[in-house]
Each structure stands twice: as C-alpha cells, then as structure tokens.
Amino acid sequence: MEYASKEILLKNGRACLLRLAEASDAEMLLEYLKATSAQTPYMIREPEEVRTSREEEVEFIRKNRENPRALHLLAFVDGAFAGSCSFAPDSERLRMRHRCTVGISLYREFWGMGVGTALMEEILTGAKAAGFEQAELDVVSGNAPAVGLYRKMGFETTGTIPRAFKYKDGTYADFLFMVKYLT
C-alpha cells in the first residue's frame, strides 16, 4: 500500500517520522524483533525464536509494499528507530475480507511518548482506506499500557483466550481479543 512519509510532533515536543518499511530496513527490523522480544513478556516469541533470514525479511517487506490491502509503518524519534505498526488482511476469503489484523510494538524507551498513538492512528486510517470494516488484535491481558492504547483508539474487548501464553517458568498469560469497527 502507498503511504506518504509524515513527520509529527510528539507530546514531549520531539519529532517523529512515520514511513513505510523499506528493504534496507530488514537487518534493523530483525534486531528489533529480537530486542523487543527480550524487553517484555508481551511479545509472541522468545528472542531466540527470531530465525527469519535477511532475505526472507526483505521479501516480507516487498510483499507488504506491493499489497494494496497491507501497510507496515516504522516510527523514528529524532532519527532513532522507535517501533513499527502494521495491518494485513485476516483472510482473503470472501466472507472474511472485511477484517484485518493489526500489530504494533515499540522499544520500551519510547513507551508513553505518543508514538504508539501516532502509529495506530495512521494504521487505522490506512485500514479504512483499504476497505476494511473492522480491525482486530489480541493482547496479553496484563499489558496495561497496550490495552489502554487500544481502548483509547476505540477497540473493545470481545473475548478472552485463557492461558494463551505459557512462559518458560511455567506461568501463563491470557489474551484479550479486541475489535474496532471502522465503518
């Protein structure tokens, strides 16, 4: 999907650039997946599970850029990579083409600055423009900052998946399934 880069001012006065992911970002994005997976217990994978090759990541970026029903944005605060946000079709089946899945993550040092809000606003605007009627996501129930962001953006909890995560120490975390209607 096409997207014109945009610079915004965050609530702390810092500049934030939002732009499409590019093939040259592949290595940076792989390191980011490992780092953010290690920073919090809320990511879907452990850092050692990031096994995507640079070539596979480049292909993933290329496919997203060429897909008119997908968008992958990156945020840079004062030039430093802060995080990413994306949407993609939940399914291409006719009965499910109205739904998209949204994902976002930020380096912990950029939490609470408004980066997540800016990314989500752009992603939800793009999803609506791409013809989606609803955006969906799941989130670890204990991830209060993320749950708060999603509620602020208009997502509603529609269900819970108990024990969706099982951590290395044997404990579990539930997922909240959240939906935002775009029409």
C-alpha atoms as a PDB file:
ATOM      1  CA  MET A   1       0.000   0.000   0.000  1.00  0.00           C
ATOM      2  CA  GLU A   2       1.202   3.506  -0.759  1.00  0.00           C
ATOM      3  CA  TYR A   3       1.972   5.865   2.116  1.00  0.00           C
ATOM      4  CA  ALA A   4       3.483   9.353   2.105  1.00  0.00           C
ATOM      5  CA  SER A   5       6.020   9.772   4.909  1.00  0.00           C
ATOM      6  CA  LYS A   6       4.873  12.114   7.625  1.00  0.00           C
ATOM      7  CA  GLU A   7       6.635  13.975  10.410  1.00  0.00           C
ATOM      8  CA  ILE A   8       4.667  14.698  13.570  1.00  0.00           C
ATOM      9  CA  LEU A   9       5.422  16.351  16.883  1.00  0.00           C
ATOM     10  CA  LEU A  10       5.066  14.095  19.914  1.00  0.00           C
ATOM     11  CA  LYS A  11       3.536  15.255  23.181  1.00  0.00           C
ATOM     12  CA  ASN A  12       7.041  15.756  24.613  1.00  0.00           C
ATOM     13  CA  GLY A  13       7.968  18.034  21.692  1.00  0.00           C
ATOM     14  CA  ARG A  14      10.223  15.513  19.950  1.00  0.00           C
ATOM     15  CA  ALA A  15       9.975  14.936  16.206  1.00  0.00           C
ATOM     16  CA  CYS A  16       8.661  11.586  14.982  1.00  0.00           C
ATOM     17  CA  LEU A  17       8.935  10.430  11.370  1.00  0.00           C
ATOM     18  CA  LEU A  18       6.441   7.809  10.158  1.00  0.00           C
ATOM     19  CA  ARG A  19       7.329   5.999   6.948  1.00  0.00           C
ATOM     20  CA  LEU A  20       6.954   2.756   5.051  1.00  0.00           C
ATOM     21  CA  ALA A  21       9.307  -0.108   5.820  1.00  0.00           C
ATOM     22  CA  GLU A  22      11.962  -0.470   3.110  1.00  0.00           C
ATOM     23  CA  ALA A  23      14.124  -3.402   2.031  1.00  0.00           C
ATOM     24  CA  SER A  24      17.156  -1.640   3.534  1.00  0.00           C
ATOM     25  CA  ASP A  25      15.436  -1.860   6.955  1.00  0.00           C
ATOM     26  CA  ALA A  26      15.482  -5.672   7.017  1.00  0.00           C
ATOM     27  CA  GLU A  27      18.528  -6.125   9.275  1.00  0.00           C
ATOM     28  CA  MET A  28      17.335  -3.397  11.648  1.00  0.00           C
ATOM     29  CA  LEU A  29      13.871  -4.979  11.873  1.00  0.00           C
ATOM     30  CA  LEU A  30      15.279  -8.416  12.680  1.00  0.00           C
ATOM     31  CA  GLU A  31      17.393  -6.960  15.501  1.00  0.00           C
ATOM     32  CA  TYR A  32      14.325  -5.051  16.701  1.00  0.00           C
ATOM     33  CA  LEU A  33      12.247  -8.252  16.853  1.00  0.00           C
ATOM     34  CA  LYS A  34      14.919  -9.900  18.998  1.00  0.00           C
ATOM     35  CA  ALA A  35      15.349  -6.885  21.258  1.00  0.00           C
ATOM     36  CA  THR A  36      11.642  -6.185  21.840  1.00  0.00           C
ATOM     37  CA  SER A  37      11.000  -9.883  22.452  1.00  0.00           C
ATOM     38  CA  ALA A  38      13.616  -9.746  25.208  1.00  0.00           C
ATOM     39  CA  GLN A  39      12.355  -6.454  26.715  1.00  0.00           C
ATOM     40  CA  THR A  40       8.858  -7.575  27.695  1.00  0.00           C
ATOM     41  CA  PRO A  41       6.835 -10.736  28.286  1.00  0.00           C
ATOM     42  CA  TYR A  42       4.136  -9.454  25.906  1.00  0.00           C
ATOM     43  CA  MET A  43       5.626 -10.379  22.539  1.00  0.00           C
ATOM     44  CA  ILE A  44       4.534 -13.577  20.822  1.00  0.00           C
ATOM     45  CA  ARG A  45       8.031 -15.045  20.628  1.00  0.00           C
ATOM     46  CA  GLU A  46      11.181 -15.535  22.631  1.00  0.00           C
ATOM     47  CA  PRO A  47      14.230 -13.705  21.222  1.00  0.00           C
ATOM     48  CA  GLU A  48      15.871 -16.956  20.108  1.00  0.00           C
ATOM     49  CA  GLU A  49      12.797 -17.745  18.002  1.00  0.00           C
ATOM     50  CA  VAL A  50      13.557 -14.890  15.601  1.00  0.00           C
ATOM     51  CA  ARG A  51      15.064 -17.038  12.866  1.00  0.00           C
ATOM     52  CA  THR A  52      13.990 -15.118   9.791  1.00  0.00           C
ATOM     53  CA  SER A  53      16.824 -14.542   7.340  1.00  0.00           C
ATOM     54  CA  ARG A  54      17.606 -11.110   5.937  1.00  0.00           C
ATOM     55  CA  GLU A  55      16.391 -12.306   2.536  1.00  0.00           C
ATOM     56  CA  GLU A  56      13.086 -13.529   3.995  1.00  0.00           C
ATOM     57  CA  GLU A  57      12.580 -10.196   5.753  1.00  0.00           C
ATOM     58  CA  VAL A  58      13.307  -8.293   2.529  1.00  0.00           C
ATOM     59  CA  GLU A  59      10.693 -10.424   0.756  1.00  0.00           C
ATOM     60  CA  PHE A  60       8.166  -9.823   3.562  1.00  0.00           C
ATOM     61  CA  ILE A  61       8.718  -6.061   3.261  1.00  0.00           C
ATOM     62  CA  ARG A  62       8.403  -6.207  -0.541  1.00  0.00           C
ATOM     63  CA  LYS A  63       5.117  -8.129  -0.381  1.00  0.00           C
ATOM     64  CA  ASN A  64       3.655  -5.669   2.139  1.00  0.00           C
ATOM     65  CA  ARG A  65       4.654  -2.689  -0.002  1.00  0.00           C
ATOM     66  CA  GLU A  66       3.049  -4.233  -3.091  1.00  0.00           C
ATOM     67  CA  ASN A  67      -0.150  -5.329  -1.336  1.00  0.00           C
ATOM     68  CA  PRO A  68      -2.869  -2.635  -1.579  1.00  0.00           C
ATOM     69  CA  ARG A  69      -4.512  -4.232   1.495  1.00  0.00           C
ATOM     70  CA  ALA A  70      -1.486  -4.188   3.813  1.00  0.00           C
ATOM     71  CA  LEU A  71       0.603  -1.461   5.420  1.00  0.00           C
ATOM     72  CA  HIS A  72       3.781  -1.656   7.508  1.00  0.00           C
ATOM     73  CA  LEU A  73       4.924   1.617   9.053  1.00  0.00           C
ATOM     74  CA  LEU A  74       8.053   2.451  11.009  1.00  0.00           C
ATOM     75  CA  ALA A  75       8.480   5.275  13.523  1.00  0.00           C
ATOM     76  CA  PHE A  76      11.719   7.181  14.111  1.00  0.00           C
ATOM     77  CA  VAL A  77      12.036   9.620  17.026  1.00  0.00           C
ATOM     78  CA  ASP A  78      14.750  12.229  16.484  1.00  0.00           C
ATOM     79  CA  GLY A  79      16.223   9.795  13.943  1.00  0.00           C
ATOM     80  CA  ALA A  80      16.255   6.747  16.261  1.00  0.00           C
ATOM     81  CA  PHE A  81      14.132   3.751  15.324  1.00  0.00           C
ATOM     82  CA  ALA A  82      11.285   3.534  17.861  1.00  0.00           C
ATOM     83  CA  GLY A  83       8.916   0.851  16.596  1.00  0.00           C
ATOM     84  CA  SER A  84       6.558  -0.428  13.958  1.00  0.00           C
ATOM     85  CA  CYS A  85       2.875  -0.960  13.316  1.00  0.00           C
ATOM     86  CA  SER A  86       1.056  -2.825  10.578  1.00  0.00           C
ATOM     87  CA  PHE A  87      -2.204  -4.187   9.281  1.00  0.00           C
ATOM     88  CA  ALA A  88      -2.829  -7.056   6.906  1.00  0.00           C
ATOM     89  CA  PRO A  89      -5.896  -8.990   5.793  1.00  0.00           C
ATOM     90  CA  ASP A  90      -7.124 -11.569   8.259  1.00  0.00           C
ATOM     91  CA  SER A  91      -8.068 -13.715   5.261  1.00  0.00           C
ATOM     92  CA  GLU A  92      -8.709 -13.289   1.553  1.00  0.00           C
ATOM     93  CA  ARG A  93     -11.809 -15.499   1.734  1.00  0.00           C
ATOM     94  CA  LEU A  94     -14.867 -13.571   0.599  1.00  0.00           C
ATOM     95  CA  ARG A  95     -16.657 -13.941   3.929  1.00  0.00           C
ATOM     96  CA  MET A  96     -13.677 -12.587   5.845  1.00  0.00           C
ATOM     97  CA  ARG A  97     -12.242  -9.908   3.520  1.00  0.00           C
ATOM     98  CA  HIS A  98     -13.763  -7.158   5.656  1.00  0.00           C
ATOM     99  CA  ARG A  99     -11.411  -7.951   8.586  1.00  0.00           C
ATOM    100  CA  CYS A 100      -7.766  -7.019   9.130  1.00  0.00           C
ATOM    101  CA  THR A 101      -5.283  -7.854  11.844  1.00  0.00           C
ATOM    102  CA  VAL A 102      -3.293  -5.053  13.481  1.00  0.00           C
ATOM    103  CA  GLY A 103       0.049  -5.373  15.237  1.00  0.00           C
ATOM    104  CA  ILE A 104       2.285  -2.849  16.969  1.00  0.00           C
ATOM    105  CA  SER A 105       5.399  -2.869  19.109  1.00  0.00           C
ATOM    106  CA  LEU A 106       7.809  -0.246  20.357  1.00  0.00           C
ATOM    107  CA  TYR A 107      11.139  -0.257  22.068  1.00  0.00           C
ATOM    108  CA  ARG A 108      10.401   0.233  25.757  1.00  0.00           C
ATOM    109  CA  GLU A 109      12.296   3.551  25.870  1.00  0.00           C
ATOM    110  CA  PHE A 110       9.667   5.058  23.534  1.00  0.00           C
ATOM    111  CA  TRP A 111       6.596   3.993  25.522  1.00  0.00           C
ATOM    112  CA  GLY A 112       4.353   6.782  26.769  1.00  0.00           C
ATOM    113  CA  MET A 113       5.516   9.451  24.296  1.00  0.00           C
ATOM    114  CA  GLY A 114       2.614   9.216  21.856  1.00  0.00           C
ATOM    115  CA  VAL A 115       4.470   7.130  19.259  1.00  0.00           C
ATOM    116  CA  GLY A 116       2.005   4.253  19.615  1.00  0.00           C
ATOM    117  CA  THR A 117      -0.969   6.581  19.263  1.00  0.00           C
ATOM    118  CA  ALA A 118       0.502   8.173  16.127  1.00  0.00           C
ATOM    119  CA  LEU A 119       1.234   4.793  14.549  1.00  0.00           C
ATOM    120  CA  MET A 120      -2.203   3.393  15.405  1.00  0.00           C
ATOM    121  CA  GLU A 121      -3.991   6.454  14.011  1.00  0.00           C
ATOM    122  CA  GLU A 122      -2.144   6.074  10.699  1.00  0.00           C
ATOM    123  CA  ILE A 123      -2.681   2.314  10.535  1.00  0.00           C
ATOM    124  CA  LEU A 124      -6.406   2.553  11.288  1.00  0.00           C
ATOM    125  CA  THR A 125      -6.825   5.330   8.708  1.00  0.00           C
ATOM    126  CA  GLY A 126      -4.995   3.169   6.168  1.00  0.00           C
ATOM    127  CA  ALA A 127      -7.066   0.089   7.016  1.00  0.00           C
ATOM    128  CA  LYS A 128     -10.291   2.006   6.494  1.00  0.00           C
ATOM    129  CA  ALA A 129      -8.987   3.444   3.200  1.00  0.00           C
ATOM    130  CA  ALA A 130      -8.106  -0.115   2.089  1.00  0.00           C
ATOM    131  CA  GLY A 131     -11.765  -1.072   2.557  1.00  0.00           C
ATOM    132  CA  PHE A 132     -11.610  -2.945   5.829  1.00  0.00           C
ATOM    133  CA  GLU A 133     -14.659  -2.716   8.070  1.00  0.00           C
ATOM    134  CA  GLN A 134     -13.045  -3.935  11.262  1.00  0.00           C
ATOM    135  CA  ALA A 135      -9.585  -4.148  12.770  1.00  0.00           C
ATOM    136  CA  GLU A 136      -8.701  -6.932  15.200  1.00  0.00           C
ATOM    137  CA  LEU A 137      -5.854  -7.754  17.545  1.00  0.00           C
ATOM    138  CA  ASP A 138      -5.028  -9.818  20.559  1.00  0.00           C
ATOM    139  CA  VAL A 139      -3.028  -8.606  23.523  1.00  0.00           C
ATOM    140  CA  VAL A 140      -1.716 -10.097  26.754  1.00  0.00           C
ATOM    141  CA  SER A 141      -4.291  -9.126  29.370  1.00  0.00           C
ATOM    142  CA  GLY A 142      -1.608  -7.886  31.781  1.00  0.00           C
ATOM    143  CA  ASN A 143      -0.132  -5.464  29.238  1.00  0.00           C
ATOM    144  CA  ALA A 144      -1.878  -2.402  30.706  1.00  0.00           C
ATOM    145  CA  PRO A 145      -0.137   0.220  28.516  1.00  0.00           C
ATOM    146  CA  ALA A 146      -1.144  -1.597  25.310  1.00  0.00           C
ATOM    147  CA  VAL A 147      -4.682  -2.329  26.485  1.00  0.00           C
ATOM    148  CA  GLY A 148      -5.040   1.345  27.414  1.00  0.00           C
ATOM    149  CA  LEU A 149      -3.809   2.449  23.976  1.00  0.00           C
ATOM    150  CA  TYR A 150      -6.195   0.110  22.188  1.00  0.00           C
ATOM    151  CA  ARG A 151      -9.168   1.266  24.260  1.00  0.00           C
ATOM    152  CA  LYS A 152      -8.217   4.892  23.610  1.00  0.00           C
ATOM    153  CA  MET A 153      -8.198   4.086  19.883  1.00  0.00           C
ATOM    154  CA  GLY A 154     -11.723   2.632  20.112  1.00  0.00           C
ATOM    155  CA  PHE A 155     -11.030  -1.097  20.381  1.00  0.00           C
ATOM    156  CA  GLU A 156     -13.396  -3.138  22.530  1.00  0.00           C
ATOM    157  CA  THR A 157     -12.645  -6.445  24.224  1.00  0.00           C
ATOM    158  CA  THR A 158     -14.862  -9.138  22.707  1.00  0.00           C
ATOM    159  CA  GLY A 159     -13.332 -12.227  24.281  1.00  0.00           C
ATOM    160  CA  THR A 160     -10.541 -13.844  26.254  1.00  0.00           C
ATOM    161  CA  ILE A 161      -8.255 -16.737  25.400  1.00  0.00           C
ATOM    162  CA  PRO A 162      -7.222 -18.227  28.746  1.00  0.00           C
ATOM    163  CA  ARG A 163      -3.620 -19.406  29.115  1.00  0.00           C
ATOM    164  CA  ALA A 164      -2.763 -18.208  25.591  1.00  0.00           C
ATOM    165  CA  PHE A 165       0.929 -17.911  26.538  1.00  0.00           C
ATOM    166  CA  LYS A 166       2.946 -20.366  28.576  1.00  0.00           C
ATOM    167  CA  TYR A 167       6.221 -18.884  29.743  1.00  0.00           C
ATOM    168  CA  LYS A 168       9.492 -20.707  30.364  1.00  0.00           C
ATOM    169  CA  ASP A 169       8.870 -20.577  34.134  1.00  0.00           C
ATOM    170  CA  GLY A 170       5.567 -22.459  33.720  1.00  0.00           C
ATOM    171  CA  THR A 171       3.270 -19.476  34.301  1.00  0.00           C
ATOM    172  CA  TYR A 172       0.543 -18.452  31.867  1.00  0.00           C
ATOM    173  CA  ALA A 173      -0.926 -15.264  30.440  1.00  0.00           C
ATOM    174  CA  ASP A 174      -4.370 -14.709  28.946  1.00  0.00           C
ATOM    175  CA  PHE A 175      -5.073 -12.900  25.693  1.00  0.00           C
ATOM    176  CA  LEU A 176      -7.788 -10.325  25.218  1.00  0.00           C
ATOM    177  CA  PHE A 177      -9.324 -10.358  21.737  1.00  0.00           C
ATOM    178  CA  MET A 178     -10.132  -6.777  20.735  1.00  0.00           C
ATOM    179  CA  VAL A 179     -12.057  -5.336  17.793  1.00  0.00           C
ATOM    180  CA  LYS A 180     -12.545  -1.841  16.386  1.00  0.00           C
ATOM    181  CA  TYR A 181     -15.261  -1.200  13.818  1.00  0.00           C
ATOM    182  CA  LEU A 182     -14.009   1.079  11.044  1.00  0.00           C
ATOM    183  CA  THR A 183     -17.375   1.763   9.384  1.00  0.00           C
END
